Amino acid sequence: MQIYKFGGASVKNAEGIKNLARVLKSVGYDKTLIIVSAMGKTTNAMEKVVSNYFDAKHKLNSSIQEVKKYHNNILLDLFSNENSTVFENIDNLFQELLHFFDHNKSPNYNFVYDQVIGFGELISTTIISHYLNSIGLINSWIDVREFIKTDDYYRNAKVNWDRTQELISKKLDNSKLNITQGFIGSNSNNSTTTLGREGSDYTAAIFAFCLNAQSVTIWKDVPGILNADPRYFENAELLEQISYSEAIELSYYGASVIHPKTLQPLQRKEIPLMVKSFLNPKNKGTIVGKDFDLIPKVPCYILKRDQILISLSSLDFSYIVEDNISHIFSLLHDSKMKVSMIQNSAISFSVCIENNYNNLERLLLHLKAKYDVKLYKDVKLYTIRHYNKKAIRDIENGKNILLKQISPDVMQLITH
């Protein structure tokens, strides 16, 4: 069994979907499960739909129609017969979306987000499944929500591994080509949940673990795992091979190629992960496996934008000790803040966070009751793994440095 995952960039238009078919024909699709993300920027468009539902209801229908128009244009490019059942199936999905908005009673943003956002994946896989069948690549479309079961932590759900393993073992016919959705699952009430942004890679790892798959391949618009994001750094290099532990370190610090939770289930069963280009499927790309040396051994650069730096000091100039740090982390946890970096001295404590759940004001209110608080918004966090003097010098050049931290393998820098 092999698992292929295609991201949104690989299926952003009709030509991308045709290329997916070419990739399958080129590398083989026997006993294969394909996991697909929403097409192009659909997830962003669906987030706008959710936003309009809460804050601008007069724009809700038009924002849904924009998403529908985008997908209808792809349908018209792929299918010559407008009477094809795929048009009806896609229309039914949009009717289901509208029905949800008409009947929803929940004011919980995170619940609504998860019920809505997954339509992007349901639509993309429905279109691709029909297209593959139409050109003779016979496949079965499956609803991932019937297989991956989670808790109720909307927008970042935790997998119920025992139940998920049981369902995949019992219900999935892995002797043929199957196609399903990334990113989404469902809870015990069958409400849709999501596994966290960029969670489609994680979906691939979940199925690989439960199926004892031979390998997982993530098809991307880059040659493989690079030592830097080419959008922000010049002269990025391809990493030919990398160990699970090295990849986990990079993902922990925010490398965007692999989802942080993806590698752990693969490592437990030593299932190799390949990251390859969907434009050049025969190229080797990157392989991630057990105890691999990093080849080539070069500095790896990571940039996290839109961070928030909070620097705290005690109001009476007393030491910041264990009780204080425990209290601070308790507040961070309660506010659902993602911590990217911490640094403390005798009388101060600094933390770099991501305000994913918009709870910053509430957090600051609690912190100001006990500490002197300095706040820096929209800061950038640079991380260099396997740094050298030149790498540090290049990153520091011309920047306003707020915080710097160096360990034997990692240098981190916060700039404003």
Protein backbone atom coordinates (compact mmCIF):
# COMPACT_ATOMS: atom_id res chain seq x y z
CA MET A 1 0.00 0.00 0.00
CA GLN A 2 1.29 3.45 -0.89
CA ILE A 3 -0.11 6.82 0.11
CA TYR A 4 0.03 9.86 -2.19
CA LYS A 5 -0.88 13.32 -0.95
CA PHE A 6 -1.51 16.21 -3.35
CA GLY A 7 -1.72 19.74 -1.98
CA GLY A 8 -3.88 22.61 -3.15
CA ALA A 9 -1.20 24.09 -5.41
CA SER A 10 -1.03 20.85 -7.42
CA VAL A 11 -4.77 20.88 -8.23
CA LYS A 12 -5.48 24.63 -8.46
CA ASN A 13 -6.91 24.35 -11.99
CA ALA A 14 -7.92 21.85 -14.67
CA GLU A 15 -4.36 21.52 -15.95
CA GLY A 16 -3.21 20.64 -12.44
CA ILE A 17 -5.80 17.88 -12.19
CA LYS A 18 -4.75 16.53 -15.59
CA ASN A 19 -1.17 16.60 -14.37
CA LEU A 20 -2.18 14.59 -11.28
CA ALA A 21 -3.43 11.92 -13.65
CA ARG A 22 -0.15 12.04 -15.56
CA VAL A 23 1.78 11.62 -12.30
CA LEU A 24 -0.27 8.54 -11.44
CA LYS A 25 0.34 7.03 -14.86
CA SER A 26 4.05 7.84 -14.59
CA VAL A 27 4.78 6.42 -11.12
CA GLY A 28 2.02 3.81 -10.80
CA TYR A 29 -1.18 3.67 -8.77
CA ASP A 30 -1.65 0.02 -7.82
CA LYS A 31 -2.92 -0.34 -4.23
CA THR A 32 -2.78 3.41 -3.76
CA LEU A 33 -4.67 5.83 -1.55
CA ILE A 34 -4.73 9.44 -2.80
CA ILE A 35 -5.30 12.23 -0.29
CA VAL A 36 -6.12 15.66 -1.72
CA SER A 37 -6.37 19.14 -0.23
CA ALA A 38 -8.80 21.88 -1.25
CA MET A 39 -8.01 23.38 -4.66
CA GLY A 40 -5.73 26.41 -4.87
CA LYS A 41 -6.68 29.08 -2.34
CA THR A 42 -10.10 27.58 -1.58
CA THR A 43 -9.40 27.24 2.14
CA ASN A 44 -8.72 30.98 2.34
CA ALA A 45 -11.93 31.64 0.41
CA MET A 46 -13.89 29.40 2.76
CA GLU A 47 -12.42 31.22 5.76
CA LYS A 48 -13.84 34.40 4.23
CA VAL A 49 -17.23 32.67 3.98
CA VAL A 50 -17.08 31.85 7.69
CA SER A 51 -16.05 35.42 8.49
CA ASN A 52 -18.96 36.81 6.48
CA TYR A 53 -21.39 34.48 8.25
CA PHE A 54 -20.46 36.05 11.57
CA ASP A 55 -19.60 39.62 10.63
CA ALA A 56 -21.10 40.49 7.22
CA LYS A 57 -24.10 38.28 6.48
CA HIS A 58 -25.06 40.44 3.51
CA LYS A 59 -21.86 39.22 1.80
CA LEU A 60 -22.30 35.54 2.69
CA ASN A 61 -24.09 34.33 -0.46
CA SER A 62 -21.80 36.25 -2.82
CA SER A 63 -18.69 34.79 -1.15
CA ILE A 64 -20.14 31.28 -1.52
CA GLN A 65 -20.95 31.96 -5.16
CA GLU A 66 -17.34 33.02 -5.78
CA VAL A 67 -16.16 29.62 -4.52
CA LYS A 68 -18.78 27.87 -6.64
CA LYS A 69 -17.83 29.86 -9.76
CA TYR A 70 -14.15 28.96 -9.30
CA HIS A 71 -14.94 25.25 -9.16
CA ASN A 72 -17.52 25.42 -11.97
CA ASN A 73 -14.89 26.88 -14.29
CA ILE A 74 -12.65 23.92 -13.49
CA LEU A 75 -15.55 21.53 -14.13
CA LEU A 76 -16.24 23.10 -17.53
CA ASP A 77 -12.58 22.72 -18.48
CA LEU A 78 -12.54 19.05 -17.50
CA PHE A 79 -15.95 17.72 -18.60
CA SER A 80 -17.50 18.32 -21.99
CA ASN A 81 -20.90 16.96 -20.97
CA GLU A 82 -22.61 19.35 -18.57
CA ASN A 83 -25.16 16.63 -17.82
CA SER A 84 -22.42 14.60 -16.15
CA THR A 85 -23.31 13.55 -12.61
CA VAL A 86 -20.27 15.44 -11.30
CA PHE A 87 -22.07 18.77 -11.86
CA GLU A 88 -25.03 17.51 -9.85
CA ASN A 89 -22.75 16.15 -7.10
CA ILE A 90 -20.92 19.46 -6.74
CA ASP A 91 -24.18 21.40 -6.73
CA ASN A 92 -25.45 19.12 -3.96
CA LEU A 93 -22.38 19.90 -1.85
CA PHE A 94 -23.04 23.63 -2.17
CA GLN A 95 -26.70 23.05 -1.30
CA GLU A 96 -25.54 21.14 1.78
CA LEU A 97 -23.34 24.11 2.73
CA LEU A 98 -26.24 26.56 2.37
CA HIS A 99 -28.48 24.22 4.37
CA PHE A 100 -25.97 24.29 7.21
CA PHE A 101 -25.98 28.08 7.34
CA ASP A 102 -29.79 28.19 7.22
CA HIS A 103 -30.18 25.76 10.13
CA ASN A 104 -27.11 26.34 12.31
CA LYS A 105 -27.90 27.45 15.87
CA SER A 106 -24.38 27.36 17.30
CA PRO A 107 -22.61 30.69 17.99
CA ASN A 108 -19.29 28.83 18.42
CA TYR A 109 -16.91 30.17 15.74
CA ASN A 110 -14.60 27.14 15.90
CA PHE A 111 -17.50 24.70 15.46
CA VAL A 112 -18.88 26.63 12.49
CA TYR A 113 -15.38 26.92 10.99
CA ASP A 114 -14.93 23.15 10.98
CA GLN A 115 -18.38 22.42 9.52
CA VAL A 116 -17.73 24.83 6.64
CA ILE A 117 -14.03 24.69 5.84
CA GLY A 118 -13.94 20.99 4.92
CA PHE A 119 -16.25 21.53 1.93
CA GLY A 120 -13.13 22.58 0.02
CA GLU A 121 -11.72 19.07 0.34
CA LEU A 122 -15.06 17.37 -0.32
CA ILE A 123 -15.47 19.35 -3.55
CA SER A 124 -11.90 18.86 -4.80
CA THR A 125 -11.89 15.09 -4.26
CA THR A 126 -15.32 14.71 -5.87
CA ILE A 127 -14.15 16.52 -9.01
CA ILE A 128 -10.86 14.62 -9.20
CA SER A 129 -12.46 11.24 -8.58
CA HIS A 130 -14.96 11.81 -11.42
CA TYR A 131 -12.21 13.02 -13.74
CA LEU A 132 -9.97 10.03 -13.08
CA ASN A 133 -12.88 7.66 -13.67
CA SER A 134 -13.72 9.49 -16.91
CA ILE A 135 -10.23 8.81 -18.33
CA GLY A 136 -10.10 5.19 -17.21
CA LEU A 137 -8.27 5.51 -13.87
CA ILE A 138 -11.00 3.71 -11.97
CA ASN A 139 -11.17 4.72 -8.32
CA SER A 140 -13.43 4.84 -5.30
CA TRP A 141 -14.26 8.14 -3.57
CA ILE A 142 -14.38 7.73 0.19
CA ASP A 143 -15.49 10.15 2.90
CA VAL A 144 -12.57 10.49 5.31
CA ARG A 145 -14.98 11.41 8.11
CA GLU A 146 -16.11 7.79 8.18
CA PHE A 147 -12.55 6.67 8.94
CA ILE A 148 -10.67 9.28 11.00
CA LYS A 149 -12.34 9.84 14.36
CA THR A 150 -11.32 12.63 16.71
CA ASP A 151 -12.25 14.48 19.88
CA ASP A 152 -14.26 17.74 19.93
CA TYR A 153 -11.33 20.16 19.86
CA TYR A 154 -12.50 22.06 16.79
CA ARG A 155 -9.80 23.46 14.45
CA ASN A 156 -7.08 21.29 16.02
CA ALA A 157 -8.71 17.95 16.80
CA LYS A 158 -6.86 15.04 18.40
CA VAL A 159 -7.13 11.65 16.70
CA ASN A 160 -8.85 8.75 18.45
CA TRP A 161 -6.26 6.24 17.25
CA ASP A 162 -8.00 3.07 18.46
CA ARG A 163 -11.32 3.91 16.79
CA THR A 164 -9.60 5.19 13.64
CA GLN A 165 -7.48 2.04 13.34
CA GLU A 166 -10.57 -0.13 13.77
CA LEU A 167 -12.54 1.72 11.07
CA ILE A 168 -9.71 1.79 8.53
CA SER A 169 -8.98 -1.92 9.08
CA LYS A 170 -12.63 -2.90 8.69
CA LYS A 171 -13.97 -0.56 6.03
CA LEU A 172 -11.19 0.36 3.59
CA ASP A 173 -10.65 -1.88 0.56
CA ASN A 174 -6.95 -1.24 -0.02
CA SER A 175 -6.70 -3.52 -3.04
CA LYS A 176 -7.76 -0.71 -5.39
CA LEU A 177 -7.25 2.98 -6.04
CA ASN A 178 -9.03 5.14 -3.47
CA ILE A 179 -9.29 8.90 -3.16
CA THR A 180 -10.17 10.84 -0.01
CA GLN A 181 -9.85 14.18 1.71
CA GLY A 182 -7.03 15.58 3.78
CA PHE A 183 -7.37 17.86 6.81
CA ILE A 184 -10.78 16.69 8.10
CA GLY A 185 -12.23 14.01 10.35
CA SER A 186 -15.30 13.70 12.56
CA ASN A 187 -16.12 13.35 16.24
CA SER A 188 -18.36 10.85 18.02
CA ASN A 189 -21.44 12.89 17.00
CA ASN A 190 -20.31 12.80 13.34
CA SER A 191 -19.73 16.55 13.31
CA THR A 192 -16.83 17.52 11.06
CA THR A 193 -13.54 18.35 12.77
CA THR A 194 -10.23 19.55 11.36
CA LEU A 195 -6.71 18.44 12.20
CA GLY A 196 -5.10 21.88 12.13
CA ARG A 197 -4.08 24.04 9.18
CA GLU A 198 -1.95 22.12 6.66
CA GLY A 199 -3.29 18.92 8.22
CA SER A 200 -3.56 17.00 4.94
CA ASP A 201 -0.01 15.71 5.37
CA TYR A 202 -1.07 14.42 8.79
CA THR A 203 -4.04 12.65 7.20
CA ALA A 204 -1.59 10.79 4.95
CA ALA A 205 0.46 9.73 7.98
CA ILE A 206 -2.63 8.53 9.86
CA PHE A 207 -3.67 6.25 7.00
CA ALA A 208 -0.08 5.08 6.47
CA PHE A 209 0.22 4.11 10.12
CA CYS A 210 -3.12 2.28 10.22
CA LEU A 211 -2.49 0.50 6.89
CA ASN A 212 1.21 -0.31 7.54
CA ALA A 213 1.87 1.42 4.24
CA GLN A 214 5.02 0.90 2.24
CA SER A 215 5.61 4.65 1.88
CA VAL A 216 4.04 8.11 1.86
CA THR A 217 4.72 10.57 -0.97
CA ILE A 218 3.83 14.24 -0.65
CA TRP A 219 3.63 15.87 -4.08
CA LYS A 220 4.49 19.56 -4.03
CA ASP A 221 5.37 22.49 -6.27
CA VAL A 222 8.98 22.39 -5.04
CA PRO A 223 11.68 19.76 -5.84
CA GLY A 224 11.51 18.33 -2.29
CA ILE A 225 12.41 19.56 1.17
CA LEU A 226 14.54 22.66 0.84
CA ASN A 227 16.87 24.18 3.42
CA ALA A 228 14.84 27.41 3.23
CA ASP A 229 11.53 28.72 1.94
CA PRO A 230 12.36 30.18 -1.50
CA ARG A 231 9.67 32.85 -1.00
CA TYR A 232 11.80 34.45 1.71
CA PHE A 233 15.36 33.23 1.16
CA GLU A 234 17.53 33.25 -1.94
CA ASN A 235 19.48 30.23 -3.22
CA ALA A 236 17.49 27.57 -1.37
CA GLU A 237 19.05 24.09 -1.69
CA LEU A 238 17.41 20.67 -2.00
CA LEU A 239 17.95 18.32 0.94
CA GLU A 240 18.38 14.89 -0.66
CA GLN A 241 17.84 12.97 2.55
CA ILE A 242 17.00 13.77 6.14
CA SER A 243 16.22 11.79 9.31
CA TYR A 244 12.85 11.72 11.05
CA SER A 245 14.36 13.46 14.08
CA GLU A 246 15.93 16.21 11.96
CA ALA A 247 12.66 16.75 10.10
CA ILE A 248 10.75 16.86 13.40
CA GLU A 249 13.20 19.49 14.67
CA LEU A 250 12.69 21.58 11.53
CA SER A 251 8.90 21.27 11.68
CA TYR A 252 8.94 22.17 15.39
CA TYR A 253 10.64 25.44 14.54
CA GLY A 254 8.11 26.13 11.80
CA ALA A 255 9.40 24.67 8.53
CA SER A 256 6.36 24.69 6.27
CA VAL A 257 7.06 21.68 4.05
CA ILE A 258 5.97 19.02 6.57
CA HIS A 259 3.19 19.33 9.14
CA PRO A 260 4.55 19.00 12.71
CA LYS A 261 2.33 16.01 13.56
CA THR A 262 2.96 14.12 10.33
CA LEU A 263 6.31 12.56 11.15
CA GLN A 264 5.57 10.94 14.51
CA PRO A 265 3.26 8.12 13.32
CA LEU A 266 5.58 7.45 10.36
CA GLN A 267 8.61 7.23 12.65
CA ARG A 268 6.87 4.77 14.96
CA LYS A 269 6.56 2.26 12.10
CA GLU A 270 9.62 3.44 10.16
CA ILE A 271 7.54 4.26 7.08
CA PRO A 272 9.64 6.33 4.66
CA LEU A 273 8.33 9.72 3.59
CA MET A 274 9.13 11.10 0.15
CA VAL A 275 8.63 14.75 -0.81
CA LYS A 276 8.65 15.11 -4.59
CA SER A 277 7.76 17.56 -7.35
CA PHE A 278 4.47 16.99 -9.15
CA LEU A 279 6.05 18.78 -12.12
CA ASN A 280 8.98 16.35 -12.31
CA PRO A 281 7.67 13.11 -10.78
CA LYS A 282 10.64 11.00 -11.88
CA ASN A 283 13.12 13.18 -9.96
CA LYS A 284 14.28 11.76 -6.64
CA GLY A 285 13.15 14.61 -4.40
CA THR A 286 13.78 14.16 -0.66
CA ILE A 287 13.50 10.98 1.38
CA VAL A 288 12.90 11.07 5.14
CA GLY A 289 13.79 7.95 7.12
CA LYS A 290 15.38 6.50 10.23
CA ASP A 291 18.88 7.68 11.22
CA PHE A 292 19.59 9.36 7.88
CA ASP A 293 22.44 11.84 7.79
CA LEU A 294 21.52 15.28 6.56
CA ILE A 295 22.69 15.48 2.93
CA PRO A 296 23.92 18.04 2.09
CA LYS A 297 24.91 19.33 5.55
CA VAL A 298 23.97 23.00 5.16
CA PRO A 299 22.31 25.62 7.39
CA CYS A 300 18.52 25.36 7.38
CA TYR A 301 16.59 28.64 7.57
CA ILE A 302 13.05 29.09 8.90
CA LEU A 303 11.00 32.29 9.07
CA LYS A 304 7.79 32.68 11.09
CA ARG A 305 5.94 35.91 10.41
CA ASP A 306 3.13 37.69 12.28
CA GLN A 307 4.50 36.72 15.68
CA ILE A 308 3.92 38.56 18.96
CA LEU A 309 6.68 39.16 21.51
CA ILE A 310 5.67 39.73 25.13
CA SER A 311 8.34 40.74 27.64
CA LEU A 312 7.39 40.54 31.30
CA SER A 313 9.07 41.77 34.45
CA SER A 314 7.86 41.76 38.04
CA LEU A 315 6.23 44.95 39.30
CA ASP A 316 8.41 44.96 42.45
CA PHE A 317 11.68 43.94 40.70
CA SER A 318 11.62 40.52 42.40
CA TYR A 319 12.99 37.45 40.65
CA ILE A 320 10.98 35.60 38.01
CA VAL A 321 10.99 32.13 39.56
CA GLU A 322 9.26 28.80 39.02
CA ASP A 323 5.89 29.93 40.42
CA ASN A 324 5.83 32.89 38.05
CA ILE A 325 6.75 30.80 35.01
CA SER A 326 4.12 28.20 35.91
CA HIS A 327 1.51 30.96 36.22
CA ILE A 328 2.51 32.50 32.87
CA PHE A 329 2.31 29.17 31.05
CA SER A 330 -1.05 28.46 32.63
CA LEU A 331 -2.36 31.73 31.19
CA LEU A 332 -0.83 30.95 27.78
CA HIS A 333 -2.50 27.54 27.81
CA ASP A 334 -5.88 28.96 28.81
CA SER A 335 -5.63 31.51 26.00
CA LYS A 336 -4.66 28.80 23.45
CA MET A 337 -1.47 30.62 22.53
CA LYS A 338 1.13 28.75 20.48
CA VAL A 339 4.57 29.38 21.97
CA SER A 340 7.40 29.75 19.45
CA MET A 341 10.27 30.83 21.72
CA ILE A 342 10.96 31.68 25.37
CA GLN A 343 13.82 33.42 27.17
CA ASN A 344 14.18 34.34 30.82
CA SER A 345 16.61 36.16 33.08
CA ALA A 346 16.58 36.92 36.82
CA ILE A 347 13.86 39.58 36.62
CA SER A 348 12.34 39.18 33.16
CA PHE A 349 10.60 36.60 31.00
CA SER A 350 10.04 36.93 27.23
CA VAL A 351 7.78 34.76 25.11
CA CYS A 352 7.13 34.78 21.37
CA ILE A 353 3.61 33.57 20.54
CA GLU A 354 1.03 33.13 17.78
CA ASN A 355 -2.43 34.55 18.49
CA ASN A 356 -4.34 31.97 16.44
CA TYR A 357 -7.52 32.17 18.53
CA ASN A 358 -7.66 35.98 18.97
CA ASN A 359 -7.35 35.82 22.74
CA LEU A 360 -4.50 38.33 23.06
CA GLU A 361 -6.46 41.07 24.85
CA ARG A 362 -7.74 38.65 27.47
CA LEU A 363 -4.22 37.30 28.03
CA LEU A 364 -2.76 40.80 28.41
CA LEU A 365 -5.45 41.72 30.94
CA HIS A 366 -4.38 38.83 33.20
CA LEU A 367 -0.65 39.45 32.71
CA LYS A 368 -0.87 43.18 33.51
CA ALA A 369 -2.45 42.38 36.85
CA LYS A 370 0.84 40.84 38.01
CA TYR A 371 3.63 41.97 35.67
CA ASP A 372 5.00 44.95 33.82
CA VAL A 373 4.23 44.08 30.19
CA LYS A 374 5.94 45.18 26.98
CA LEU A 375 4.24 44.14 23.76
CA TYR A 376 5.69 43.93 20.24
CA LYS A 377 3.28 42.97 17.46
CA ASP A 378 4.05 41.74 13.94
CA VAL A 379 7.57 40.59 14.75
CA LYS A 380 9.51 38.00 12.74
CA LEU A 381 11.16 34.92 14.21
CA TYR A 382 14.17 33.62 12.30
CA THR A 383 15.58 30.19 13.11
CA ILE A 384 18.83 28.76 11.70
CA ARG A 385 19.54 25.10 12.35
CA HIS A 386 23.16 24.01 11.77
CA TYR A 387 24.18 27.67 11.64
CA ASN A 388 27.61 29.03 10.85
CA LYS A 389 29.06 32.53 11.19
CA LYS A 390 28.13 33.52 7.64
CA ALA A 391 24.54 32.32 8.07
CA ILE A 392 24.11 34.38 11.25
CA ARG A 393 25.74 37.44 9.68
CA ASP A 394 23.47 37.25 6.63
CA ILE A 395 20.31 37.06 8.76
CA GLU A 396 21.32 39.81 11.20
CA ASN A 397 22.38 42.27 8.52
CA GLY A 398 20.30 45.47 8.61
CA LYS A 399 17.68 44.19 11.08
CA ASN A 400 16.40 45.61 14.38
CA ILE A 401 17.09 42.70 16.76
CA LEU A 402 14.76 42.40 19.78
CA LEU A 403 15.93 39.03 21.08
CA LYS A 404 18.63 36.50 20.23
CA GLN A 405 19.19 32.97 21.47
CA ILE A 406 21.96 30.50 20.57
CA SER A 407 22.40 26.81 21.39
CA PRO A 408 24.94 24.38 19.86
CA ASP A 409 22.63 23.52 16.92
CA VAL A 410 20.10 26.36 16.71
CA MET A 411 20.20 30.15 16.53
CA GLN A 412 16.96 32.12 16.90
CA LEU A 413 16.43 35.80 16.28
CA ILE A 414 13.38 38.02 16.79
CA THR A 415 13.28 41.18 14.68
CA HIS A 416 10.86 44.08 14.39
